[in-house]
C-alpha atoms as a PDB file:
ATOM      1  CA  MET A   1     -43.700 -24.769 -12.141  1.00  0.00           C
ATOM      2  CA  THR A   2     -45.975 -27.573 -11.056  1.00  0.00           C
ATOM      3  CA  ALA A   3     -47.203 -30.182 -13.504  1.00  0.00           C
ATOM      4  CA  SER A   4     -50.806 -29.024 -13.070  1.00  0.00           C
ATOM      5  CA  PHE A   5     -49.812 -25.414 -13.845  1.00  0.00           C
ATOM      6  CA  LYS A   6     -48.004 -26.593 -16.996  1.00  0.00           C
ATOM      7  CA  GLN A   7     -51.054 -28.622 -18.040  1.00  0.00           C
ATOM      8  CA  ARG A   8     -53.397 -25.648 -17.480  1.00  0.00           C
ATOM      9  CA  ALA A   9     -51.065 -23.341 -19.427  1.00  0.00           C
ATOM     10  CA  LEU A  10     -50.781 -25.829 -22.289  1.00  0.00           C
ATOM     11  CA  ARG A  11     -54.575 -26.357 -22.359  1.00  0.00           C
ATOM     12  CA  TRP A  12     -55.096 -22.563 -22.476  1.00  0.00           C
ATOM     13  CA  THR A  13     -52.575 -22.278 -25.349  1.00  0.00           C
ATOM     14  CA  LEU A  14     -54.136 -25.166 -27.302  1.00  0.00           C
ATOM     15  CA  GLU A  15     -57.617 -23.639 -26.947  1.00  0.00           C
ATOM     16  CA  ARG A  16     -56.394 -20.329 -28.427  1.00  0.00           C
ATOM     17  CA  VAL A  17     -54.305 -21.878 -31.225  1.00  0.00           C
ATOM     18  CA  SER A  18     -57.110 -24.250 -32.244  1.00  0.00           C
ATOM     19  CA  LYS A  19     -59.406 -21.290 -32.991  1.00  0.00           C
ATOM     20  CA  LEU A  20     -57.083 -20.397 -35.885  1.00  0.00           C
ATOM     21  CA  LEU A  21     -57.147 -23.854 -37.505  1.00  0.00           C
ATOM     22  CA  PRO A  22     -59.566 -25.623 -39.851  1.00  0.00           C
ATOM     23  CA  VAL A  23     -61.713 -28.003 -37.811  1.00  0.00           C
ATOM     24  CA  ARG A  24     -64.064 -30.932 -38.173  1.00  0.00           C
ATOM     25  CA  THR A  25     -66.146 -31.792 -35.113  1.00  0.00           C
ATOM     26  CA  ILE A  26     -67.591 -35.285 -34.812  1.00  0.00           C
ATOM     27  CA  ARG A  27     -70.852 -35.326 -32.847  1.00  0.00           C
ATOM     28  CA  GLY A  28     -72.938 -37.967 -31.099  1.00  0.00           C
ATOM     29  CA  GLU A  29     -76.633 -38.861 -31.185  1.00  0.00           C
ATOM     30  CA  ASN A  30     -77.763 -35.740 -29.314  1.00  0.00           C
ATOM     31  CA  GLY A  31     -75.450 -33.417 -31.234  1.00  0.00           C
ATOM     32  CA  SER A  32     -72.945 -33.158 -28.388  1.00  0.00           C
ATOM     33  CA  PRO A  33     -69.326 -32.923 -29.527  1.00  0.00           C
ATOM     34  CA  TYR A  34     -67.184 -36.039 -29.256  1.00  0.00           C
ATOM     35  CA  LEU A  35     -63.942 -35.068 -31.055  1.00  0.00           C
ATOM     36  CA  SER A  36     -62.694 -31.914 -32.759  1.00  0.00           C
ATOM     37  CA  LYS A  37     -59.986 -32.561 -35.355  1.00  0.00           C
ATOM     38  CA  TYR A  38     -57.815 -29.551 -36.243  1.00  0.00           C
ATOM     39  CA  LEU A  39     -55.654 -29.836 -39.344  1.00  0.00           C
ATOM     40  CA  LEU A  40     -52.045 -28.804 -38.674  1.00  0.00           C
ATOM     41  CA  LEU A  41     -50.176 -30.136 -41.705  1.00  0.00           C
ATOM     42  CA  GLY A  42     -51.574 -31.339 -44.952  1.00  0.00           C
ATOM     43  CA  GLN A  43     -52.840 -28.859 -47.502  1.00  0.00           C
ATOM     44  CA  ASP A  44     -55.643 -30.701 -49.260  1.00  0.00           C
ATOM     45  CA  GLY A  45     -55.208 -33.432 -46.667  1.00  0.00           C
ATOM     46  CA  GLU A  46     -51.575 -34.539 -47.074  1.00  0.00           C
ATOM     47  CA  PHE A  47     -48.142 -33.145 -46.223  1.00  0.00           C
ATOM     48  CA  ALA A  48     -46.322 -36.358 -47.245  1.00  0.00           C
ATOM     49  CA  PRO A  49     -47.741 -39.199 -49.335  1.00  0.00           C
ATOM     50  CA  GLY A  50     -50.762 -40.402 -47.393  1.00  0.00           C
ATOM     51  CA  CYS A  51     -49.854 -38.586 -44.138  1.00  0.00           C
ATOM     52  CA  ARG A  52     -51.709 -35.951 -42.117  1.00  0.00           C
ATOM     53  CA  LEU A  53     -51.039 -34.202 -38.819  1.00  0.00           C
ATOM     54  CA  TYR A  54     -53.904 -33.143 -36.558  1.00  0.00           C
ATOM     55  CA  LEU A  55     -54.486 -31.636 -33.180  1.00  0.00           C
ATOM     56  CA  HIS A  56     -57.272 -33.696 -31.552  1.00  0.00           C
ATOM     57  CA  ARG A  57     -59.509 -32.410 -28.773  1.00  0.00           C
ATOM     58  CA  PHE A  58     -61.565 -35.179 -27.166  1.00  0.00           C
ATOM     59  CA  HIS A  59     -64.637 -33.617 -25.563  1.00  0.00           C
ATOM     60  CA  ARG A  60     -65.748 -36.967 -24.137  1.00  0.00           C
ATOM     61  CA  GLY A  61     -64.900 -40.651 -24.304  1.00  0.00           C
ATOM     62  CA  ASP A  62     -66.427 -43.257 -26.592  1.00  0.00           C
ATOM     63  CA  LEU A  63     -70.075 -43.983 -25.828  1.00  0.00           C
ATOM     64  CA  ASP A  64     -70.047 -47.217 -27.815  1.00  0.00           C
ATOM     65  CA  ARG A  65     -69.155 -50.364 -25.884  1.00  0.00           C
ATOM     66  CA  ASP A  66     -67.884 -51.726 -29.192  1.00  0.00           C
ATOM     67  CA  LEU A  67     -64.244 -51.168 -30.050  1.00  0.00           C
ATOM     68  CA  HIS A  68     -63.296 -49.343 -33.276  1.00  0.00           C
ATOM     69  CA  ASN A  69     -60.307 -49.419 -35.590  1.00  0.00           C
ATOM     70  CA  HIS A  70     -58.900 -46.716 -37.877  1.00  0.00           C
ATOM     71  CA  PRO A  71     -58.539 -46.522 -41.663  1.00  0.00           C
ATOM     72  CA  TRP A  72     -54.784 -45.861 -41.699  1.00  0.00           C
ATOM     73  CA  GLU A  73     -51.926 -48.337 -41.961  1.00  0.00           C
ATOM     74  CA  TRP A  74     -50.612 -46.691 -38.789  1.00  0.00           C
ATOM     75  CA  ALA A  75     -51.266 -43.679 -36.596  1.00  0.00           C
ATOM     76  CA  ILE A  76     -49.315 -42.144 -33.735  1.00  0.00           C
ATOM     77  CA  SER A  77     -51.016 -40.243 -30.934  1.00  0.00           C
ATOM     78  CA  TRP A  78     -49.029 -38.129 -28.463  1.00  0.00           C
ATOM     79  CA  VAL A  79     -51.033 -37.153 -25.370  1.00  0.00           C
ATOM     80  CA  LEU A  80     -50.525 -33.449 -24.618  1.00  0.00           C
ATOM     81  CA  VAL A  81     -53.152 -32.594 -21.974  1.00  0.00           C
ATOM     82  CA  GLY A  82     -55.603 -34.698 -19.991  1.00  0.00           C
ATOM     83  CA  GLY A  83     -55.468 -38.382 -20.724  1.00  0.00           C
ATOM     84  CA  TYR A  84     -57.569 -41.439 -21.342  1.00  0.00           C
ATOM     85  CA  GLN A  85     -57.973 -45.047 -20.392  1.00  0.00           C
ATOM     86  CA  GLU A  86     -57.790 -47.222 -23.478  1.00  0.00           C
ATOM     87  CA  GLN A  87     -59.360 -50.637 -23.864  1.00  0.00           C
ATOM     88  CA  LEU A  88     -57.758 -52.407 -26.785  1.00  0.00           C
ATOM     89  CA  HIS A  89     -57.897 -55.595 -28.784  1.00  0.00           C
ATOM     90  CA  ALA A  90     -54.908 -55.866 -31.096  1.00  0.00           C
ATOM     91  CA  LEU A  91     -53.628 -58.573 -33.405  1.00  0.00           C
ATOM     92  CA  LYS A  92     -50.020 -59.274 -32.410  1.00  0.00           C
ATOM     93  CA  LYS A  93     -47.466 -61.161 -34.463  1.00  0.00           C
ATOM     94  CA  SER A  94     -45.027 -63.407 -32.578  1.00  0.00           C
ATOM     95  CA  LYS A  95     -41.962 -64.958 -34.194  1.00  0.00           C
ATOM     96  CA  PHE A  96     -40.912 -68.476 -33.350  1.00  0.00           C
ATOM     97  CA  GLN A  97     -38.457 -70.998 -34.766  1.00  0.00           C
ATOM     98  CA  ASP A  98     -37.636 -71.254 -38.465  1.00  0.00           C
ATOM     99  CA  GLY A  99     -38.796 -67.668 -39.038  1.00  0.00           C
ATOM    100  CA  LEU A 100     -42.481 -68.559 -38.789  1.00  0.00           C
ATOM    101  CA  PHE A 101     -44.946 -66.172 -37.208  1.00  0.00           C
ATOM    102  CA  THR A 102     -48.026 -66.825 -35.115  1.00  0.00           C
ATOM    103  CA  LEU A 103     -50.881 -64.371 -34.731  1.00  0.00           C
ATOM    104  CA  ARG A 104     -52.708 -63.872 -31.467  1.00  0.00           C
ATOM    105  CA  TRP A 105     -55.173 -61.343 -30.117  1.00  0.00           C
ATOM    106  CA  GLU A 106     -53.959 -59.249 -27.210  1.00  0.00           C
ATOM    107  CA  ILE A 107     -56.631 -57.709 -25.022  1.00  0.00           C
ATOM    108  CA  GLY A 108     -55.797 -55.092 -22.469  1.00  0.00           C
ATOM    109  CA  GLU A 109     -56.388 -51.816 -20.768  1.00  0.00           C
ATOM    110  CA  ARG A 110     -53.954 -48.984 -20.153  1.00  0.00           C
ATOM    111  CA  ASP A 111     -53.897 -45.363 -19.083  1.00  0.00           C
ATOM    112  CA  MET A 112     -52.467 -42.909 -21.592  1.00  0.00           C
ATOM    113  CA  LEU A 113     -51.191 -39.831 -19.743  1.00  0.00           C
ATOM    114  CA  PRO A 114     -49.567 -36.549 -20.872  1.00  0.00           C
ATOM    115  CA  GLY A 115     -46.273 -37.222 -22.632  1.00  0.00           C
ATOM    116  CA  MET A 116     -47.167 -40.810 -23.561  1.00  0.00           C
ATOM    117  CA  VAL A 117     -47.230 -41.991 -27.182  1.00  0.00           C
ATOM    118  CA  ASN A 118     -49.774 -44.476 -28.545  1.00  0.00           C
ATOM    119  CA  VAL A 119     -49.105 -46.361 -31.796  1.00  0.00           C
ATOM    120  CA  LEU A 120     -52.261 -47.629 -33.517  1.00  0.00           C
ATOM    121  CA  LEU A 121     -52.142 -50.068 -36.419  1.00  0.00           C
ATOM    122  CA  ALA A 122     -54.968 -50.785 -38.878  1.00  0.00           C
ATOM    123  CA  ASP A 123     -55.845 -54.008 -37.041  1.00  0.00           C
ATOM    124  CA  THR A 124     -55.897 -52.407 -33.567  1.00  0.00           C
ATOM    125  CA  PHE A 125     -59.409 -52.105 -32.157  1.00  0.00           C
ATOM    126  CA  HIS A 126     -59.874 -49.832 -29.156  1.00  0.00           C
ATOM    127  CA  ARG A 127     -62.092 -47.440 -27.251  1.00  0.00           C
ATOM    128  CA  VAL A 128     -61.229 -44.581 -24.906  1.00  0.00           C
ATOM    129  CA  ASP A 129     -62.656 -43.188 -21.672  1.00  0.00           C
ATOM    130  CA  LEU A 130     -61.341 -39.774 -20.662  1.00  0.00           C
ATOM    131  CA  LEU A 131     -59.557 -39.399 -17.334  1.00  0.00           C
ATOM    132  CA  ASP A 132     -59.680 -35.632 -16.857  1.00  0.00           C
ATOM    133  CA  GLY A 133     -62.673 -33.926 -18.486  1.00  0.00           C
ATOM    134  CA  GLU A 134     -61.093 -33.606 -21.916  1.00  0.00           C
ATOM    135  CA  CYS A 135     -57.928 -34.692 -23.676  1.00  0.00           C
ATOM    136  CA  TRP A 136     -55.714 -33.051 -26.311  1.00  0.00           C
ATOM    137  CA  THR A 137     -53.425 -35.122 -28.536  1.00  0.00           C
ATOM    138  CA  LEU A 138     -51.144 -34.570 -31.497  1.00  0.00           C
ATOM    139  CA  PHE A 139     -52.219 -37.194 -34.043  1.00  0.00           C
ATOM    140  CA  LEU A 140     -50.129 -38.270 -37.047  1.00  0.00           C
ATOM    141  CA  THR A 141     -51.654 -40.640 -39.612  1.00  0.00           C
ATOM    142  CA  GLY A 142     -50.023 -42.810 -42.209  1.00  0.00           C
ATOM    143  CA  PRO A 143     -51.558 -43.803 -45.544  1.00  0.00           C
ATOM    144  CA  LYS A 144     -55.205 -44.815 -45.606  1.00  0.00           C
ATOM    145  CA  THR A 145     -55.439 -48.542 -46.336  1.00  0.00           C
ATOM    146  CA  GLN A 146     -59.018 -49.513 -45.438  1.00  0.00           C
ATOM    147  CA  SER A 147     -62.349 -48.303 -44.201  1.00  0.00           C
ATOM    148  CA  TRP A 148     -63.000 -48.442 -40.480  1.00  0.00           C
ATOM    149  CA  GLY A 149     -65.638 -49.872 -38.237  1.00  0.00           C
ATOM    150  CA  PHE A 150     -66.602 -51.486 -34.965  1.00  0.00           C
ATOM    151  CA  LEU A 151     -65.929 -54.879 -33.382  1.00  0.00           C
ATOM    152  CA  ASN A 152     -68.554 -56.144 -30.952  1.00  0.00           C
ATOM    153  CA  ASP A 153     -68.109 -58.551 -28.011  1.00  0.00           C
ATOM    154  CA  SER A 154     -68.832 -61.507 -30.311  1.00  0.00           C
ATOM    155  CA  GLY A 155     -66.037 -60.505 -32.709  1.00  0.00           C
ATOM    156  CA  ILE A 156     -68.420 -59.312 -35.435  1.00  0.00           C
ATOM    157  CA  PHE A 157     -67.185 -56.356 -37.499  1.00  0.00           C
ATOM    158  CA  THR A 158     -69.672 -53.662 -38.560  1.00  0.00           C
ATOM    159  CA  PRO A 159     -68.629 -50.917 -41.038  1.00  0.00           C
ATOM    160  CA  TRP A 160     -68.803 -47.437 -39.489  1.00  0.00           C
ATOM    161  CA  ARG A 161     -71.670 -46.097 -41.633  1.00  0.00           C
ATOM    162  CA  GLU A 162     -73.914 -49.031 -40.665  1.00  0.00           C
ATOM    163  CA  GLN A 163     -73.038 -48.693 -36.970  1.00  0.00           C
ATOM    164  CA  LEU A 164     -73.793 -44.970 -36.897  1.00  0.00           C
ATOM    165  CA  LYS A 165     -77.088 -45.416 -38.768  1.00  0.00           C
ATOM    166  CA  LYS A 166     -78.112 -48.118 -36.254  1.00  0.00           C
ATOM    167  CA  ARG A 167     -77.493 -45.613 -33.449  1.00  0.00           C
ATOM    168  CA  GLY A 168     -79.453 -42.870 -35.223  1.00  0.00           C
ATOM    169  CA  ILE A 169     -76.440 -40.677 -35.936  1.00  0.00           C
ATOM    170  CA  GLU A 170     -76.516 -38.674 -39.166  1.00  0.00           C
ATOM    171  CA  VAL A 171     -73.738 -39.840 -41.468  1.00  0.00           C
ATOM    172  CA  ARG A 172     -72.008 -36.809 -42.986  1.00  0.00           C
ATOM    173  CA  GLU A 173     -69.449 -36.715 -45.705  1.00  0.00           C
ATOM    174  CA  PRO A 174     -65.947 -36.084 -44.371  1.00  0.00           C
ATOM    175  CA  TRP A 175     -65.046 -32.496 -43.579  1.00  0.00           C
ATOM    176  CA  LYS A 176     -68.434 -31.018 -44.436  1.00  0.00           C
ATOM    177  CA  THR A 177     -68.772 -29.285 -41.041  1.00  0.00           C
ATOM    178  CA  GLU A 178     -68.098 -25.965 -39.312  1.00  0.00           C
ATOM    179  CA  ARG A 179     -65.055 -24.751 -41.254  1.00  0.00           C
ATOM    180  CA  GLN A 180     -63.601 -26.110 -44.445  1.00  0.00           C
ATOM    181  CA  TRP A 181     -59.912 -26.667 -44.982  1.00  0.00           C
ATOM    182  CA  ALA A 182     -58.211 -23.609 -46.421  1.00  0.00           C
END
């Protein structure tokens, strides 16, 4: 089997399976879907203390130029179908003599393709542009440790609710969308 056949077969399977799962779809200014989050593990949100497992379907990339972080201490994303180019700005800790650490910002860009794993920490800021129409990932989150928001080119952080209001996007309470969790 060719890789493209496997990707088409997996996409077809994910589309069918996702119809059976509770979903929350995040939408943009014009109501177009950005990301559908399907809950796989986590009755009432958790399957282990603070952890959740989702199937993510990216319908499009980030429209914001600003990078965003996530509310969890850590998250792991495994690209299943499609892929994305990620722009990231992450705080990296380097160890040097006498056990002391230095902190530095690492800025970069990378392609995340099927089979690749992306580890996101709470202080990682990033944005994604899709490579192939849409992208499906398996997304595991750790405990929630903060709120999330956006970092602009000047290094100014804006909480997510303020950023969305500035862009004219209706701020909804979490999970109050198409289907509720069972």
